[in-house]
Amino acid sequence: MSAIPLRVMLRSAGLSRLWRDPRLVSLAVTILLFIGMSVAGGVLYDGFLRPQVFLNLFIDNGFLLVVAVGMTFVILTGGIDLSVGAVVAFSTVLLASLVQRHGWHPLPAIAVVLAVGTVFGALMGTLIQRYRMQPFVVTLAGMFLARGAATLVSVESMGITHPFHVGIAGMRIPLGGGASLSASAVVALLVVLAGVLLAGRTSFGRAVYAIGGNETSARLMGLPVDRVLVKVYALSGFCSALAGVLYTFYMLSGYSLHASGLELDAIAAVVIGGTLLAGGAGSVWGTMFGVLVLGLIQTLIVFDGTLSSWWTKIAIGVLLLAFCLLQRLLVRTSAAGGGGHG
């Protein structure tokens, strides 16, 4: 057999393996969707392809991106976290109360908020792990608890006027050509990078994928399944609390009704980004593109100017259903089922 046919065969075999990987195929479809929507927007609307338009996707959705990173790890284990939106709201109210009512400096107040969110997530993870309770039920209870606690702290919206907080909220990091990013967007991108490294370069990340692939096999392999599950929900709680902090920079207020329905947007972004709802396969990079696709839908509707904002929810619903069907098709036609890192 000659060398050229051999190289062709090897290349074909490699492409075949890539096609059988649900994670990679879903990610590729998401990226192509993002590119296609961007090109369509550029054709239809003047100024759509300006760099600042795309940077605004990170500025306007930074808090969602942070929540979605935490949600990615939860879904990778085969779980779900419905409390994230409520934890975001509670975090905004708690931070605003500490700063405005009690005169705290925002930095120690932020540290307290992050600690509370992490502990709350860890408690839910402990209930799920120790008592073998369904994540749906536990996190649904957590959602009601966090939203109710936010209402107890304050029913009304509380503005945040501390000079430090206002200064950070108005900060812009120039990137050249008149384009810039907010401090919150930079934090969100750093969280994405940390999530990629955590998922792909650590024993914790490998254990998360193993648990989502087959929890029983993970236990037989000697992996600390119980400890990892608690840490995953603690991570989700931390990300939700951090997203709440970023939300206060975005809105300069704390309100018990902030982030209503954010948990559904986060789940949609994770699934559209290629993470399997059954767990065991997905990527943080894919989640980032899932968030960008959701943000791009909103941007297209704003540029159009004639469509109701409800079309955003309709489009997200259609995309979510389409990607769930795509995942089911890929899993059925894949011999490996597809695990992946990063």
Protein backbone atom coordinates (compact mmCIF):
# COMPACT_ATOMS: atom_id res chain seq x y z
CA MET A 1 0.00 0.00 0.00
CA SER A 2 1.43 3.40 -0.96
CA ALA A 3 2.05 6.20 1.52
CA ILE A 4 -0.53 8.57 0.04
CA PRO A 5 -3.54 6.25 0.37
CA LEU A 6 -2.38 5.41 3.90
CA ARG A 7 -2.35 9.08 4.88
CA VAL A 8 -5.79 9.52 3.36
CA MET A 9 -7.09 6.54 5.31
CA LEU A 10 -5.64 7.84 8.57
CA ARG A 11 -7.12 11.27 7.95
CA SER A 12 -10.50 9.74 7.17
CA ALA A 13 -10.36 7.63 10.32
CA GLY A 14 -9.56 10.72 12.39
CA LEU A 15 -12.46 12.66 10.91
CA SER A 16 -14.72 9.69 11.52
CA ARG A 17 -13.74 9.64 15.20
CA LEU A 18 -14.38 13.37 15.48
CA TRP A 19 -17.82 12.93 13.91
CA ARG A 20 -18.67 10.25 16.46
CA ASP A 21 -17.80 12.57 19.37
CA PRO A 22 -21.07 14.31 20.42
CA ARG A 23 -19.15 16.99 22.32
CA LEU A 24 -17.06 18.08 19.34
CA VAL A 25 -19.91 17.94 16.85
CA SER A 26 -22.20 20.00 19.12
CA LEU A 27 -19.44 22.54 19.71
CA ALA A 28 -18.77 22.80 15.98
CA VAL A 29 -22.47 23.34 15.27
CA THR A 30 -22.64 26.05 17.95
CA ILE A 31 -19.61 27.89 16.56
CA LEU A 32 -20.97 27.66 13.01
CA LEU A 33 -24.33 28.96 14.25
CA PHE A 34 -22.62 31.91 15.92
CA ILE A 35 -20.64 32.69 12.75
CA GLY A 36 -23.71 32.32 10.54
CA MET A 37 -25.81 34.61 12.73
CA SER A 38 -22.99 37.18 12.80
CA VAL A 39 -22.67 37.16 9.02
CA ALA A 40 -26.44 37.46 8.63
CA GLY A 41 -26.48 40.40 11.02
CA GLY A 42 -23.68 42.07 9.09
CA VAL A 43 -25.60 41.69 5.84
CA LEU A 44 -28.91 42.93 7.26
CA TYR A 45 -27.82 45.76 9.54
CA ASP A 46 -25.24 48.51 9.14
CA GLY A 47 -22.63 48.57 11.88
CA PHE A 48 -23.49 45.13 13.17
CA LEU A 49 -19.96 43.79 12.64
CA ARG A 50 -18.26 46.53 14.64
CA PRO A 51 -15.93 45.08 17.32
CA GLN A 52 -17.77 46.86 20.12
CA VAL A 53 -21.02 45.08 19.19
CA PHE A 54 -19.39 41.72 19.89
CA LEU A 55 -17.59 42.97 23.01
CA ASN A 56 -20.97 44.10 24.30
CA LEU A 57 -22.02 40.44 24.28
CA PHE A 58 -19.55 39.88 27.12
CA ILE A 59 -20.42 43.16 28.86
CA ASP A 60 -24.18 42.51 28.84
CA ASN A 61 -23.95 38.78 29.58
CA GLY A 62 -20.94 38.54 31.87
CA PHE A 63 -23.02 37.49 34.89
CA LEU A 64 -24.83 34.83 32.81
CA LEU A 65 -21.48 33.54 31.56
CA VAL A 66 -20.20 33.09 35.12
CA VAL A 67 -23.38 31.27 36.20
CA ALA A 68 -23.20 29.06 33.11
CA VAL A 69 -19.62 28.01 33.88
CA GLY A 70 -20.73 26.72 37.28
CA MET A 71 -23.77 25.10 35.70
CA THR A 72 -21.53 23.32 33.20
CA PHE A 73 -19.76 21.39 35.96
CA VAL A 74 -23.07 20.48 37.58
CA ILE A 75 -24.56 19.18 34.33
CA LEU A 76 -21.33 17.32 33.50
CA THR A 77 -21.97 15.20 36.61
CA GLY A 78 -25.49 14.49 35.40
CA GLY A 79 -27.05 16.90 37.90
CA ILE A 80 -28.93 20.20 37.69
CA ASP A 81 -28.96 23.42 39.74
CA LEU A 82 -32.21 25.39 39.68
CA SER A 83 -31.17 27.73 42.48
CA VAL A 84 -28.63 29.82 40.55
CA GLY A 85 -30.96 32.69 39.59
CA ALA A 86 -32.27 33.01 43.14
CA VAL A 87 -28.74 32.93 44.56
CA VAL A 88 -27.79 35.73 42.17
CA ALA A 89 -30.75 37.79 43.41
CA PHE A 90 -29.97 37.07 47.07
CA SER A 91 -26.32 38.01 46.50
CA THR A 92 -27.29 41.38 45.01
CA VAL A 93 -29.63 42.14 47.92
CA LEU A 94 -27.14 41.01 50.58
CA LEU A 95 -24.33 43.05 49.02
CA ALA A 96 -26.52 46.14 48.67
CA SER A 97 -27.74 45.79 52.26
CA LEU A 98 -24.22 45.44 53.69
CA VAL A 99 -22.93 48.44 51.71
CA GLN A 100 -25.90 50.80 51.87
CA ARG A 101 -27.58 49.97 55.18
CA HIS A 102 -24.64 48.87 57.29
CA GLY A 103 -21.90 51.04 55.82
CA TRP A 104 -19.52 48.27 54.79
CA HIS A 105 -16.85 48.80 52.18
CA PRO A 106 -17.75 46.77 49.05
CA LEU A 107 -14.63 44.56 49.20
CA PRO A 108 -15.35 42.81 52.54
CA ALA A 109 -19.04 42.74 51.61
CA ILE A 110 -18.17 40.93 48.37
CA ALA A 111 -16.05 38.43 50.33
CA VAL A 112 -19.01 37.67 52.63
CA VAL A 113 -21.36 37.27 49.65
CA LEU A 114 -19.00 34.83 47.93
CA ALA A 115 -18.58 32.82 51.12
CA VAL A 116 -22.35 32.63 51.69
CA GLY A 117 -22.96 31.49 48.10
CA THR A 118 -20.27 28.82 48.33
CA VAL A 119 -21.56 27.44 51.63
CA PHE A 120 -25.13 27.42 50.32
CA GLY A 121 -24.06 25.40 47.28
CA ALA A 122 -22.04 23.02 49.44
CA LEU A 123 -25.05 22.40 51.69
CA MET A 124 -27.19 21.48 48.70
CA GLY A 125 -24.41 19.22 47.44
CA THR A 126 -24.21 17.53 50.84
CA LEU A 127 -27.95 16.82 50.83
CA ILE A 128 -27.71 15.39 47.33
CA GLN A 129 -24.68 13.25 48.14
CA ARG A 130 -25.40 12.06 51.67
CA TYR A 131 -29.13 11.40 51.40
CA ARG A 132 -29.15 10.45 47.71
CA MET A 133 -31.80 13.08 47.01
CA GLN A 134 -32.61 14.20 43.48
CA PRO A 135 -30.69 17.35 42.47
CA PHE A 136 -33.87 18.72 40.87
CA VAL A 137 -35.77 18.61 44.18
CA VAL A 138 -32.92 19.87 46.37
CA THR A 139 -32.01 22.80 44.12
CA LEU A 140 -35.68 23.67 43.57
CA ALA A 141 -36.01 23.97 47.35
CA GLY A 142 -32.81 26.01 47.33
CA MET A 143 -34.31 28.31 44.71
CA PHE A 144 -37.35 29.05 46.89
CA LEU A 145 -35.17 29.44 49.97
CA ALA A 146 -32.71 31.89 48.37
CA ARG A 147 -35.44 33.94 46.69
CA GLY A 148 -37.42 34.07 49.92
CA ALA A 149 -34.33 35.09 51.90
CA ALA A 150 -33.70 37.88 49.42
CA THR A 151 -37.24 39.16 49.98
CA LEU A 152 -36.75 39.06 53.75
CA VAL A 153 -33.64 41.22 53.46
CA SER A 154 -35.46 43.78 51.30
CA VAL A 155 -38.66 43.88 49.31
CA GLU A 156 -37.68 47.10 47.54
CA SER A 157 -34.82 47.65 45.15
CA MET A 158 -31.74 49.13 46.86
CA GLY A 159 -29.41 51.32 44.85
CA ILE A 160 -25.65 51.12 45.50
CA THR A 161 -23.98 54.53 45.60
CA HIS A 162 -20.61 53.75 47.20
CA PRO A 163 -17.88 55.54 45.16
CA PHE A 164 -15.74 52.39 44.90
CA HIS A 165 -18.64 50.35 43.53
CA VAL A 166 -19.73 53.07 41.13
CA GLY A 167 -16.14 53.51 39.95
CA ILE A 168 -15.70 49.80 39.17
CA ALA A 169 -19.09 49.73 37.42
CA GLY A 170 -18.06 52.59 35.14
CA MET A 171 -14.55 51.31 34.45
CA ARG A 172 -13.73 50.50 30.84
CA ILE A 173 -10.59 48.72 29.64
CA PRO A 174 -9.60 50.06 26.19
CA LEU A 175 -8.73 47.49 23.53
CA GLY A 176 -7.93 49.89 20.70
CA GLY A 177 -10.00 51.33 17.89
CA GLY A 178 -12.50 52.80 20.33
CA ALA A 179 -13.51 49.35 21.61
CA SER A 180 -13.48 48.49 25.31
CA LEU A 181 -14.51 45.91 27.89
CA SER A 182 -16.00 46.44 31.33
CA ALA A 183 -14.28 45.13 34.45
CA SER A 184 -17.15 42.65 34.93
CA ALA A 185 -16.63 41.25 31.42
CA VAL A 186 -12.94 40.74 32.14
CA VAL A 187 -13.80 38.88 35.35
CA ALA A 188 -16.24 36.69 33.40
CA LEU A 189 -13.56 35.83 30.83
CA LEU A 190 -11.12 34.96 33.63
CA VAL A 191 -13.77 32.65 35.11
CA VAL A 192 -14.12 30.95 31.72
CA LEU A 193 -10.36 30.45 31.52
CA ALA A 194 -10.28 29.08 35.07
CA GLY A 195 -13.16 26.75 34.23
CA VAL A 196 -11.35 25.44 31.14
CA LEU A 197 -8.20 24.73 33.16
CA LEU A 198 -10.18 23.17 36.02
CA ALA A 199 -12.10 20.87 33.69
CA GLY A 200 -9.22 19.84 31.48
CA ARG A 201 -6.05 20.01 33.55
CA THR A 202 -6.96 18.81 37.05
CA SER A 203 -7.90 15.56 38.74
CA PHE A 204 -11.10 17.27 39.90
CA GLY A 205 -12.13 17.91 36.30
CA ARG A 206 -11.36 14.36 35.24
CA ALA A 207 -13.43 13.06 38.15
CA VAL A 208 -16.35 15.28 37.12
CA TYR A 209 -16.36 13.78 33.62
CA ALA A 210 -16.00 10.26 35.02
CA ILE A 211 -18.96 10.71 37.40
CA GLY A 212 -21.14 12.02 34.59
CA GLY A 213 -20.12 9.15 32.35
CA ASN A 214 -20.87 6.42 34.90
CA GLU A 215 -20.97 7.10 38.63
CA THR A 216 -20.74 3.42 39.54
CA SER A 217 -17.63 2.95 37.41
CA ALA A 218 -16.12 6.10 38.92
CA ARG A 219 -16.57 4.65 42.41
CA LEU A 220 -15.02 1.34 41.33
CA MET A 221 -12.06 3.29 39.98
CA GLY A 222 -11.51 4.71 43.46
CA LEU A 223 -12.49 8.28 42.64
CA PRO A 224 -13.77 10.44 45.53
CA VAL A 225 -17.26 10.69 44.06
CA ASP A 226 -19.02 12.02 47.17
CA ARG A 227 -16.44 14.73 47.79
CA VAL A 228 -16.43 15.81 44.14
CA LEU A 229 -20.23 16.11 44.03
CA VAL A 230 -20.23 18.42 47.06
CA LYS A 231 -17.45 20.49 45.51
CA VAL A 232 -19.33 20.77 42.22
CA TYR A 233 -22.39 22.30 43.88
CA ALA A 234 -20.16 24.50 46.05
CA LEU A 235 -18.53 25.72 42.83
CA SER A 236 -21.93 26.44 41.33
CA GLY A 237 -22.90 28.39 44.46
CA PHE A 238 -19.67 30.37 44.28
CA CYS A 239 -20.22 31.18 40.60
CA SER A 240 -23.80 32.25 41.31
CA ALA A 241 -22.68 34.54 44.12
CA LEU A 242 -19.91 35.99 41.93
CA ALA A 243 -22.48 36.53 39.17
CA GLY A 244 -24.60 38.39 41.73
CA VAL A 245 -21.66 40.66 42.48
CA LEU A 246 -21.17 41.31 38.76
CA TYR A 247 -24.90 41.97 38.45
CA THR A 248 -24.61 44.75 41.04
CA PHE A 249 -21.87 46.34 38.94
CA TYR A 250 -24.16 46.06 35.91
CA MET A 251 -27.33 47.37 37.59
CA LEU A 252 -25.89 49.26 40.60
CA SER A 253 -28.68 47.84 42.71
CA GLY A 254 -29.82 44.85 44.71
CA TYR A 255 -33.32 43.49 44.21
CA SER A 256 -35.05 40.25 45.17
CA LEU A 257 -36.54 39.96 41.67
CA HIS A 258 -33.23 40.32 39.84
CA ALA A 259 -32.21 37.39 37.61
CA SER A 260 -35.68 35.87 37.38
CA GLY A 261 -35.47 32.89 35.02
CA LEU A 262 -31.67 33.13 34.81
CA GLU A 263 -31.36 29.44 35.70
CA LEU A 264 -33.21 28.53 32.50
CA ASP A 265 -30.98 30.77 30.39
CA ALA A 266 -27.90 29.19 31.98
CA ILE A 267 -29.13 25.65 31.29
CA ALA A 268 -30.00 26.62 27.71
CA ALA A 269 -26.53 28.12 27.17
CA VAL A 270 -24.83 24.99 28.52
CA VAL A 271 -26.89 22.66 26.33
CA ILE A 272 -26.55 24.83 23.22
CA GLY A 273 -22.82 24.86 23.94
CA GLY A 274 -22.70 21.10 23.53
CA THR A 275 -22.79 19.72 27.08
CA LEU A 276 -24.91 16.59 27.29
CA LEU A 277 -27.79 16.81 29.77
CA ALA A 278 -27.07 13.19 30.72
CA GLY A 279 -23.58 14.27 31.80
CA GLY A 280 -20.09 13.07 30.98
CA ALA A 281 -19.46 15.16 27.86
CA GLY A 282 -19.16 18.87 27.23
CA SER A 283 -16.82 21.83 27.50
CA VAL A 284 -16.57 25.24 29.12
CA TRP A 285 -15.56 26.73 25.76
CA GLY A 286 -18.81 25.41 24.33
CA THR A 287 -20.75 27.03 27.16
CA MET A 288 -19.12 30.37 26.38
CA PHE A 289 -20.26 30.13 22.76
CA GLY A 290 -23.71 29.08 23.98
CA VAL A 291 -23.94 32.31 26.00
CA LEU A 292 -22.69 34.30 23.01
CA VAL A 293 -25.37 32.77 20.79
CA LEU A 294 -28.07 33.78 23.28
CA GLY A 295 -26.62 37.28 23.46
CA LEU A 296 -26.41 37.49 19.69
CA ILE A 297 -30.11 36.64 19.37
CA GLN A 298 -30.94 39.57 21.66
CA THR A 299 -28.61 41.85 19.70
CA LEU A 300 -30.22 40.92 16.39
CA ILE A 301 -33.65 41.73 17.79
CA VAL A 302 -32.41 45.10 19.09
CA PHE A 303 -30.87 45.97 15.73
CA ASP A 304 -34.09 44.99 13.96
CA GLY A 305 -36.15 47.28 16.16
CA THR A 306 -39.53 45.91 15.05
CA LEU A 307 -39.61 42.59 16.89
CA SER A 308 -40.85 42.07 20.43
CA SER A 309 -38.31 41.00 23.05
CA TRP A 310 -40.40 37.85 23.49
CA TRP A 311 -38.93 36.60 20.24
CA THR A 312 -35.72 36.08 22.19
CA LYS A 313 -37.42 33.45 24.37
CA ILE A 314 -39.03 31.83 21.34
CA ALA A 315 -35.71 31.60 19.51
CA ILE A 316 -33.95 30.21 22.59
CA GLY A 317 -36.69 27.60 23.02
CA VAL A 318 -36.39 26.48 19.41
CA LEU A 319 -32.59 26.30 19.65
CA LEU A 320 -32.71 24.38 22.92
CA LEU A 321 -35.09 21.80 21.47
CA ALA A 322 -32.99 21.50 18.32
CA PHE A 323 -29.77 20.92 20.27
CA CYS A 324 -31.41 18.38 22.57
CA LEU A 325 -32.55 16.46 19.50
CA LEU A 326 -29.08 16.80 17.98
CA GLN A 327 -27.49 15.43 21.14
CA ARG A 328 -29.85 12.46 21.21
CA LEU A 329 -29.08 11.70 17.57
CA LEU A 330 -25.32 11.97 18.13
CA VAL A 331 -25.39 9.77 21.21
CA ARG A 332 -27.41 7.11 19.41
CA THR A 333 -25.05 7.07 16.44
CA SER A 334 -21.88 7.25 18.54
CA ALA A 335 -20.18 4.08 19.64
CA ALA A 336 -18.18 5.86 22.32
CA GLY A 337 -20.83 8.20 23.69
CA GLY A 338 -18.15 10.94 23.77
CA GLY A 339 -16.43 12.20 26.92
CA GLY A 340 -14.26 15.25 26.67
CA HIS A 341 -12.28 17.87 28.54
CA GLY A 342 -12.03 21.61 28.69
